[in-house]
C-alpha atoms as a PDB file:
ATOM      1  CA  MET A   1      11.038   7.216  44.574  1.00  0.00           C
ATOM      2  CA  THR A   2       7.394   6.434  44.872  1.00  0.00           C
ATOM      3  CA  GLU A   3       7.475   3.029  44.680  1.00  0.00           C
ATOM      4  CA  LEU A   4       4.493   1.004  42.390  1.00  0.00           C
ATOM      5  CA  SER A   5       4.060  -2.756  42.953  1.00  0.00           C
ATOM      6  CA  ILE A   6       5.491  -4.919  40.384  1.00  0.00           C
ATOM      7  CA  GLU A   7       2.029  -5.874  39.089  1.00  0.00           C
ATOM      8  CA  LYS A   8       1.214  -2.300  38.283  1.00  0.00           C
ATOM      9  CA  ILE A   9       4.694  -2.128  36.570  1.00  0.00           C
ATOM     10  CA  GLN A  10       3.837  -5.506  34.729  1.00  0.00           C
ATOM     11  CA  GLN A  11       0.847  -3.495  33.956  1.00  0.00           C
ATOM     12  CA  GLU A  12       2.159  -0.919  31.714  1.00  0.00           C
ATOM     13  CA  PHE A  13       5.117  -3.260  30.395  1.00  0.00           C
ATOM     14  CA  ARG A  14       2.078  -5.492  28.783  1.00  0.00           C
ATOM     15  CA  GLY A  15       1.245  -2.204  27.084  1.00  0.00           C
ATOM     16  CA  TYR A  16       4.117  -1.639  25.740  1.00  0.00           C
ATOM     17  CA  CYS A  17       4.492  -5.393  24.104  1.00  0.00           C
ATOM     18  CA  ARG A  18       1.064  -5.066  22.880  1.00  0.00           C
ATOM     19  CA  ARG A  19       2.347  -1.808  21.006  1.00  0.00           C
ATOM     20  CA  ILE A  20       5.286  -3.839  19.788  1.00  0.00           C
ATOM     21  CA  ASP A  21       3.441  -6.937  19.224  1.00  0.00           C
ATOM     22  CA  PRO A  22      -0.402  -7.713  20.511  1.00  0.00           C
ATOM     23  CA  ALA A  23       1.138 -11.006  20.890  1.00  0.00           C
ATOM     24  CA  LEU A  24       3.683  -9.521  23.330  1.00  0.00           C
ATOM     25  CA  ALA A  25      -0.147  -9.126  25.548  1.00  0.00           C
ATOM     26  CA  HIS A  26       0.773 -11.049  28.003  1.00  0.00           C
ATOM     27  CA  ALA A  27       4.687 -10.885  28.080  1.00  0.00           C
ATOM     28  CA  THR A  28       5.657 -11.165  31.634  1.00  0.00           C
ATOM     29  CA  ILE A  29       8.423  -9.408  34.089  1.00  0.00           C
ATOM     30  CA  GLN A  30      10.696 -12.090  35.596  1.00  0.00           C
ATOM     31  CA  THR A  31      11.159 -11.865  39.223  1.00  0.00           C
ATOM     32  CA  SER A  32      13.012 -14.497  40.495  1.00  0.00           C
ATOM     33  CA  ARG A  33      16.405 -15.480  39.187  1.00  0.00           C
ATOM     34  CA  GLY A  34      17.143 -17.978  36.747  1.00  0.00           C
ATOM     35  CA  ASP A  35      20.736 -18.085  36.743  1.00  0.00           C
ATOM     36  CA  ASP A  36      20.259 -18.477  32.530  1.00  0.00           C
ATOM     37  CA  GLY A  37      21.312 -14.878  31.665  1.00  0.00           C
ATOM     38  CA  THR A  38      17.927 -13.994  31.743  1.00  0.00           C
ATOM     39  CA  SER A  39      17.447 -10.339  33.806  1.00  0.00           C
ATOM     40  CA  HIS A  40      14.503 -10.198  36.601  1.00  0.00           C
ATOM     41  CA  LEU A  41      13.755  -7.520  38.569  1.00  0.00           C
ATOM     42  CA  GLU A  42      13.834  -6.924  42.310  1.00  0.00           C
ATOM     43  CA  VAL A  43      12.401  -4.310  44.342  1.00  0.00           C
ATOM     44  CA  SER A  44      14.510  -3.240  47.206  1.00  0.00           C
ATOM     45  CA  ASP A  45      15.998  -0.061  49.007  1.00  0.00           C
ATOM     46  CA  ASN A  46      13.246   1.565  47.721  1.00  0.00           C
ATOM     47  CA  ALA A  47      15.037   1.050  44.481  1.00  0.00           C
ATOM     48  CA  TYR A  48      14.149  -1.169  41.360  1.00  0.00           C
ATOM     49  CA  HIS A  49      16.882  -3.385  40.344  1.00  0.00           C
ATOM     50  CA  TYR A  50      17.462  -4.982  37.155  1.00  0.00           C
ATOM     51  CA  ILE A  51      19.641  -7.708  37.466  1.00  0.00           C
ATOM     52  CA  ALA A  52      21.276 -10.709  34.847  1.00  0.00           C
ATOM     53  CA  THR A  53      22.569 -13.856  36.803  1.00  0.00           C
ATOM     54  CA  GLU A  54      23.638 -16.802  35.552  1.00  0.00           C
ATOM     55  CA  ARG A  55      25.072 -19.956  37.374  1.00  0.00           C
ATOM     56  CA  GLY A  56      25.252 -18.234  40.080  1.00  0.00           C
ATOM     57  CA  LEU A  57      26.969 -15.207  38.984  1.00  0.00           C
ATOM     58  CA  ILE A  58      25.685 -11.480  38.167  1.00  0.00           C
ATOM     59  CA  LEU A  59      26.435 -10.404  34.670  1.00  0.00           C
ATOM     60  CA  SER A  60      24.566  -7.441  35.242  1.00  0.00           C
ATOM     61  CA  GLN A  61      22.858  -5.147  37.520  1.00  0.00           C
ATOM     62  CA  LYS A  62      20.883  -1.927  37.155  1.00  0.00           C
ATOM     63  CA  THR A  63      19.576   0.029  39.300  1.00  0.00           C
ATOM     64  CA  THR A  64      17.402   3.015  39.406  1.00  0.00           C
ATOM     65  CA  GLU A  65      14.388   4.608  41.354  1.00  0.00           C
ATOM     66  CA  ASP A  66      12.539   5.881  37.904  1.00  0.00           C
ATOM     67  CA  LYS A  67       9.677   3.894  37.065  1.00  0.00           C
ATOM     68  CA  GLU A  68      10.255   5.660  33.340  1.00  0.00           C
ATOM     69  CA  GLU A  69      14.237   4.002  33.059  1.00  0.00           C
ATOM     70  CA  LEU A  70      13.124   0.408  34.734  1.00  0.00           C
ATOM     71  CA  LEU A  71      10.321   0.048  31.719  1.00  0.00           C
ATOM     72  CA  TYR A  72      12.750   1.847  29.234  1.00  0.00           C
ATOM     73  CA  TRP A  73      15.011  -1.264  30.146  1.00  0.00           C
ATOM     74  CA  LEU A  74      12.545  -3.726  30.493  1.00  0.00           C
ATOM     75  CA  VAL A  75      10.974  -2.859  26.844  1.00  0.00           C
ATOM     76  CA  ASP A  76      14.245  -2.241  25.151  1.00  0.00           C
ATOM     77  CA  ASP A  77      15.058  -6.370  26.165  1.00  0.00           C
ATOM     78  CA  ILE A  78      11.914  -7.007  24.453  1.00  0.00           C
ATOM     79  CA  ALA A  79      12.408  -5.046  21.638  1.00  0.00           C
ATOM     80  CA  TRP A  80      16.163  -5.917  21.359  1.00  0.00           C
ATOM     81  CA  GLY A  81      15.013 -10.054  21.491  1.00  0.00           C
ATOM     82  CA  ARG A  82      13.128  -9.347  18.938  1.00  0.00           C
ATOM     83  CA  ALA A  83      15.052  -7.579  16.655  1.00  0.00           C
ATOM     84  CA  MET A  84      17.670 -10.025  16.924  1.00  0.00           C
ATOM     85  CA  ALA A  85      15.282 -12.863  16.289  1.00  0.00           C
ATOM     86  CA  TYR A  86      14.211 -10.707  12.632  1.00  0.00           C
ATOM     87  CA  GLU A  87      17.947 -10.173  12.111  1.00  0.00           C
ATOM     88  CA  PHE A  88      18.873 -13.756  12.335  1.00  0.00           C
ATOM     89  CA  LYS A  89      15.752 -15.121   9.390  1.00  0.00           C
ATOM     90  CA  HIS A  90      16.685 -12.733   7.498  1.00  0.00           C
ATOM     91  CA  ARG A  91      20.268 -11.816   7.306  1.00  0.00           C
ATOM     92  CA  ILE A  92      22.104 -10.569   4.130  1.00  0.00           C
ATOM     93  CA  LYS A  93      25.148 -11.647   3.430  1.00  0.00           C
ATOM     94  CA  GLY A  94      28.009  -9.398   2.705  1.00  0.00           C
ATOM     95  CA  GLU A  95      26.294  -6.739   5.067  1.00  0.00           C
ATOM     96  CA  SER A  96      27.179  -6.209   8.818  1.00  0.00           C
ATOM     97  CA  PHE A  97      24.646  -7.958  11.002  1.00  0.00           C
ATOM     98  CA  ARG A  98      24.078  -4.980  13.453  1.00  0.00           C
ATOM     99  CA  ARG A  99      22.667  -2.658  10.156  1.00  0.00           C
ATOM    100  CA  GLN A 100      20.070  -5.148  10.369  1.00  0.00           C
ATOM    101  CA  LEU A 101      19.998  -5.622  14.020  1.00  0.00           C
ATOM    102  CA  PHE A 102      19.376  -1.941  15.176  1.00  0.00           C
ATOM    103  CA  ALA A 103      17.215  -0.895  12.549  1.00  0.00           C
ATOM    104  CA  LYS A 104      15.100  -3.741  13.787  1.00  0.00           C
ATOM    105  CA  ASN A 105      15.740  -2.734  17.468  1.00  0.00           C
ATOM    106  CA  ILE A 106      14.870   1.438  16.854  1.00  0.00           C
ATOM    107  CA  GLU A 107      11.367  -0.019  15.085  1.00  0.00           C
ATOM    108  CA  PHE A 108      10.148  -1.818  17.519  1.00  0.00           C
ATOM    109  CA  LEU A 109      11.157   0.708  20.048  1.00  0.00           C
ATOM    110  CA  ASN A 110       9.596   3.285  18.161  1.00  0.00           C
ATOM    111  CA  LYS A 111       6.148   1.635  18.429  1.00  0.00           C
ATOM    112  CA  ALA A 112       6.272   1.347  22.406  1.00  0.00           C
ATOM    113  CA  ASN A 113       7.456   4.405  22.429  1.00  0.00           C
ATOM    114  CA  PRO A 114       9.162   7.037  19.737  1.00  0.00           C
ATOM    115  CA  ILE A 115      11.157   9.029  22.657  1.00  0.00           C
ATOM    116  CA  TRP A 116      12.640   5.731  23.179  1.00  0.00           C
ATOM    117  CA  ALA A 117      13.457   4.796  19.958  1.00  0.00           C
ATOM    118  CA  GLU A 118      15.282   8.549  19.560  1.00  0.00           C
ATOM    119  CA  ARG A 119      17.084   7.136  22.940  1.00  0.00           C
ATOM    120  CA  LYS A 120      18.633   3.995  21.639  1.00  0.00           C
ATOM    121  CA  GLN A 121      19.056   5.923  18.184  1.00  0.00           C
ATOM    122  CA  ARG A 122      21.736   8.226  20.257  1.00  0.00           C
ATOM    123  CA  GLU A 123      23.124   5.087  22.370  1.00  0.00           C
ATOM    124  CA  PHE A 124      23.762   3.339  18.367  1.00  0.00           C
ATOM    125  CA  ASP A 125      25.140   6.749  17.102  1.00  0.00           C
ATOM    126  CA  GLU A 126      27.917   6.766  20.091  1.00  0.00           C
ATOM    127  CA  ILE A 127      28.331   2.783  19.224  1.00  0.00           C
ATOM    128  CA  LEU A 128      28.803   3.401  15.522  1.00  0.00           C
ATOM    129  CA  ALA A 129      31.291   6.068  15.972  1.00  0.00           C
ATOM    130  CA  ALA A 130      33.273   4.421  18.348  1.00  0.00           C
ATOM    131  CA  ASN A 131      32.665   0.979  15.785  1.00  0.00           C
ATOM    132  CA  PRO A 132      31.511   1.234  12.662  1.00  0.00           C
ATOM    133  CA  PHE A 133      29.645  -1.192  10.301  1.00  0.00           C
ATOM    134  CA  ASP A 134      31.854  -3.502   8.618  1.00  0.00           C
ATOM    135  CA  ASP A 135      30.206  -5.113   5.928  1.00  0.00           C
ATOM    136  CA  GLU A 136      33.203  -7.589   5.089  1.00  0.00           C
ATOM    137  CA  ALA A 137      34.173  -8.416   8.502  1.00  0.00           C
ATOM    138  CA  GLU A 138      30.602  -8.790  10.091  1.00  0.00           C
ATOM    139  CA  GLY A 139      28.187  -9.737   6.993  1.00  0.00           C
END
């Protein structure tokens, strides 16, 4: 791993966020645990660790030595949050909430990096193969 400073990663992250929405130009990567369910970044042992904690418990932890993988995780979290907010405000009765949620997540990622949008589409395709949209139950 060629370790980049968190400041350099922050700059790249903000560039991608700005593509999603200029209002996100000052988005910040959290570097200390908040214990509120949010994720933060740690750099140690020659790797990037993206960790979500809540009330002292680790909810999820991803580790990579690849800066691009880290940036995907960081920007996808932003895109996912924006997609959730959009879907909540524009929910369509009788339609699975995941239809708009997934579509918006892809749309936002596509603005940041089209390759990431393609990757996310493959991830959603796997989810939907096992758990298809169910407009009656989810709508």
